[in-house]
N, C-alpha and C. Protein backbone atom coordinates (compact mmCIF):
# COMPACT_ATOMS: atom_id res chain seq x y z
N UNK A 1 35.88 34.47 -140.75
CA UNK A 1 36.86 34.67 -139.86
C UNK A 1 38.12 33.71 -140.01
N UNK A 2 39.09 34.21 -139.75
CA UNK A 2 40.39 33.40 -139.93
C UNK A 2 40.51 32.45 -138.79
N UNK A 3 41.00 31.22 -139.02
CA UNK A 3 41.35 30.30 -137.95
C UNK A 3 42.52 30.69 -137.13
N UNK A 4 42.68 30.19 -136.08
CA UNK A 4 43.87 30.37 -135.11
C UNK A 4 44.14 29.31 -134.18
N UNK A 5 45.26 29.31 -133.42
CA UNK A 5 45.71 28.27 -132.53
C UNK A 5 45.87 28.93 -131.12
N UNK A 6 45.69 27.97 -130.14
CA UNK A 6 46.02 28.48 -128.72
C UNK A 6 46.79 27.39 -128.07
N UNK A 7 47.43 27.63 -126.93
CA UNK A 7 48.22 26.74 -126.24
C UNK A 7 47.55 26.46 -124.87
N UNK A 8 47.38 25.09 -124.61
CA UNK A 8 46.99 24.81 -123.30
C UNK A 8 47.95 23.93 -122.53
N UNK A 9 48.48 24.35 -121.40
CA UNK A 9 49.38 23.71 -120.58
C UNK A 9 48.58 22.88 -119.53
N UNK A 10 49.01 21.67 -119.28
CA UNK A 10 48.34 20.91 -118.25
C UNK A 10 48.51 21.56 -116.91
N UNK A 11 47.55 21.60 -116.17
CA UNK A 11 47.68 22.23 -114.80
C UNK A 11 48.55 21.35 -113.86
N UNK A 12 49.20 22.11 -112.95
CA UNK A 12 50.15 21.54 -112.01
C UNK A 12 49.19 21.26 -110.78
N UNK A 13 49.64 20.35 -109.92
CA UNK A 13 48.78 20.07 -108.62
C UNK A 13 48.62 21.38 -107.87
N UNK A 14 49.52 22.35 -107.87
CA UNK A 14 49.38 23.53 -107.02
C UNK A 14 48.42 24.55 -107.75
N UNK A 15 48.30 24.41 -109.02
CA UNK A 15 47.39 25.35 -109.83
C UNK A 15 46.47 24.55 -110.74
N UNK A 16 45.25 24.59 -110.33
CA UNK A 16 44.23 23.66 -111.10
C UNK A 16 43.66 24.26 -112.44
N UNK A 17 44.20 25.62 -112.62
CA UNK A 17 43.71 26.29 -113.81
C UNK A 17 44.70 26.73 -114.72
N UNK A 18 44.59 26.35 -115.99
CA UNK A 18 45.58 26.85 -116.99
C UNK A 18 44.94 27.05 -118.40
N UNK A 19 43.88 27.89 -118.34
CA UNK A 19 43.12 28.06 -119.55
C UNK A 19 43.95 28.96 -120.54
N UNK A 20 43.82 28.64 -121.97
CA UNK A 20 44.48 29.30 -122.92
C UNK A 20 43.85 30.78 -122.89
N UNK A 21 44.79 31.79 -123.17
CA UNK A 21 44.36 33.18 -123.23
C UNK A 21 44.79 33.95 -124.43
N UNK A 22 45.72 33.31 -125.22
CA UNK A 22 46.38 34.13 -126.31
C UNK A 22 46.08 33.48 -127.61
N UNK A 23 45.65 34.13 -128.68
CA UNK A 23 45.43 33.68 -129.91
C UNK A 23 46.77 33.75 -130.69
N UNK A 24 47.04 32.68 -131.47
CA UNK A 24 48.11 32.78 -132.32
C UNK A 24 47.75 32.54 -133.80
N UNK A 25 48.16 33.48 -134.56
CA UNK A 25 47.79 33.42 -136.03
C UNK A 25 48.31 32.38 -136.91
N UNK A 26 49.40 31.77 -136.46
CA UNK A 26 50.05 30.79 -137.12
C UNK A 26 50.31 29.53 -136.18
N UNK A 27 50.42 28.32 -136.83
CA UNK A 27 50.64 27.15 -136.04
C UNK A 27 52.06 27.15 -135.54
N UNK A 28 52.93 27.71 -136.23
CA UNK A 28 54.33 27.86 -135.85
C UNK A 28 54.48 28.73 -134.59
N UNK A 29 53.76 29.79 -134.67
CA UNK A 29 53.81 30.70 -133.36
C UNK A 29 53.21 29.93 -132.06
N UNK A 30 52.20 29.21 -132.34
CA UNK A 30 51.58 28.44 -131.11
C UNK A 30 52.64 27.37 -130.69
N UNK A 31 53.33 26.71 -131.58
CA UNK A 31 54.29 25.79 -131.22
C UNK A 31 55.47 26.29 -130.57
N UNK A 32 55.95 27.49 -131.06
CA UNK A 32 57.05 28.24 -130.32
C UNK A 32 56.63 28.58 -128.86
N UNK A 33 55.39 29.23 -128.75
CA UNK A 33 54.86 29.46 -127.41
C UNK A 33 54.77 28.27 -126.56
N UNK A 34 54.33 27.15 -127.05
CA UNK A 34 54.14 25.84 -126.34
C UNK A 34 55.50 25.46 -125.71
N UNK A 35 56.54 25.53 -126.60
CA UNK A 35 57.87 25.13 -126.21
C UNK A 35 58.37 26.16 -125.17
N UNK A 36 58.04 27.33 -125.35
CA UNK A 36 58.58 28.30 -124.14
C UNK A 36 57.89 27.98 -122.97
N UNK A 37 56.64 27.74 -122.95
CA UNK A 37 55.82 27.59 -121.78
C UNK A 37 56.24 26.28 -120.95
N UNK A 38 56.72 25.28 -121.68
CA UNK A 38 57.11 23.97 -120.99
C UNK A 38 58.62 23.84 -120.67
N UNK A 39 59.32 24.89 -121.07
CA UNK A 39 60.69 24.84 -120.88
C UNK A 39 61.06 24.75 -119.51
N UNK A 40 61.81 23.62 -118.93
CA UNK A 40 62.13 23.46 -117.65
C UNK A 40 61.05 22.96 -116.80
N UNK A 41 59.83 22.74 -117.20
CA UNK A 41 58.85 22.18 -116.36
C UNK A 41 58.48 20.84 -116.88
N UNK A 42 57.86 20.08 -116.00
CA UNK A 42 57.43 18.63 -116.27
C UNK A 42 55.91 18.54 -116.57
N UNK A 43 55.46 19.45 -117.43
CA UNK A 43 54.01 19.46 -117.75
C UNK A 43 53.92 19.49 -119.21
N UNK A 44 52.85 18.91 -119.83
CA UNK A 44 52.59 18.98 -121.28
C UNK A 44 51.89 20.13 -121.72
N UNK A 45 52.08 20.48 -122.95
CA UNK A 45 51.36 21.51 -123.58
C UNK A 45 50.65 21.08 -124.86
N UNK A 46 49.51 21.39 -125.03
CA UNK A 46 48.72 21.06 -126.21
C UNK A 46 48.47 22.28 -127.10
N UNK A 47 48.79 22.17 -128.32
CA UNK A 47 48.35 23.18 -129.29
C UNK A 47 47.03 22.94 -129.85
N UNK A 48 46.08 23.81 -129.71
CA UNK A 48 44.74 23.59 -130.01
C UNK A 48 44.44 24.64 -131.37
N UNK A 49 43.83 23.91 -132.26
CA UNK A 49 43.33 24.75 -133.46
C UNK A 49 41.92 24.99 -133.42
N UNK A 50 41.39 26.30 -133.54
CA UNK A 50 40.14 26.62 -133.55
C UNK A 50 39.53 26.20 -134.94
N UNK A 51 38.43 25.42 -135.00
CA UNK A 51 37.87 24.94 -136.25
C UNK A 51 36.44 25.47 -136.49
N UNK A 52 35.73 25.87 -135.36
CA UNK A 52 34.46 26.46 -135.56
C UNK A 52 34.29 27.60 -134.71
N UNK A 53 33.42 28.57 -135.12
CA UNK A 53 32.96 29.62 -134.35
C UNK A 53 31.44 29.46 -134.23
N UNK A 54 31.01 29.24 -132.98
CA UNK A 54 29.58 29.22 -132.71
C UNK A 54 29.19 30.40 -131.99
N UNK A 55 28.13 31.05 -132.62
CA UNK A 55 27.69 32.31 -132.09
C UNK A 55 26.09 32.24 -132.10
N UNK A 56 25.57 33.17 -131.26
CA UNK A 56 24.11 33.28 -131.22
C UNK A 56 23.64 34.45 -132.15
N UNK A 57 22.69 34.12 -132.80
CA UNK A 57 22.00 35.16 -133.72
C UNK A 57 20.58 35.17 -133.12
N UNK A 58 19.83 36.12 -133.51
CA UNK A 58 18.39 36.01 -133.05
C UNK A 58 17.81 34.87 -133.74
N UNK A 59 17.34 33.93 -132.91
CA UNK A 59 17.48 32.54 -133.13
C UNK A 59 17.51 32.25 -134.61
N UNK A 60 18.21 31.20 -134.96
CA UNK A 60 18.87 30.11 -134.23
C UNK A 60 20.27 30.36 -133.90
N UNK A 61 21.01 29.32 -133.27
CA UNK A 61 22.41 29.34 -132.88
C UNK A 61 22.92 28.90 -134.34
N UNK A 62 24.15 29.35 -134.79
CA UNK A 62 24.73 29.22 -136.03
C UNK A 62 26.21 28.88 -135.71
N UNK A 63 26.64 27.77 -136.48
CA UNK A 63 28.05 27.38 -136.48
C UNK A 63 28.71 27.71 -137.78
N UNK A 64 29.89 28.09 -137.72
CA UNK A 64 30.47 28.54 -138.98
C UNK A 64 32.00 27.86 -139.12
N UNK A 65 32.27 27.16 -140.26
CA UNK A 65 33.50 26.43 -140.36
C UNK A 65 34.64 27.56 -140.64
N UNK A 66 35.68 27.61 -139.88
CA UNK A 66 36.80 28.48 -140.10
C UNK A 66 37.64 28.23 -141.23
N UNK A 67 38.16 29.16 -142.03
CA UNK A 67 38.97 28.84 -143.17
C UNK A 67 40.37 28.86 -142.78
N UNK A 68 41.23 28.33 -143.73
CA UNK A 68 42.71 28.31 -143.60
C UNK A 68 43.30 29.76 -143.97
N UNK A 69 42.76 30.46 -144.56
CA UNK A 69 43.26 31.81 -145.02
C UNK A 69 43.03 32.90 -144.06
């Protein structure tokens, strides 16, 4: 599986939830989205890189390192 990035914006006092929902296939796309989301607001955004996929198989649980390609 190919790695991806997501953007997490700090929650505002009025909204306690701001979970990432969209995968970005490039780091540049994620940085662009982060800049868009914080434009005009005083909240921070974090660009998160997925590094592992953890999934259940008929036992055991397996972790798989994601590749750069």
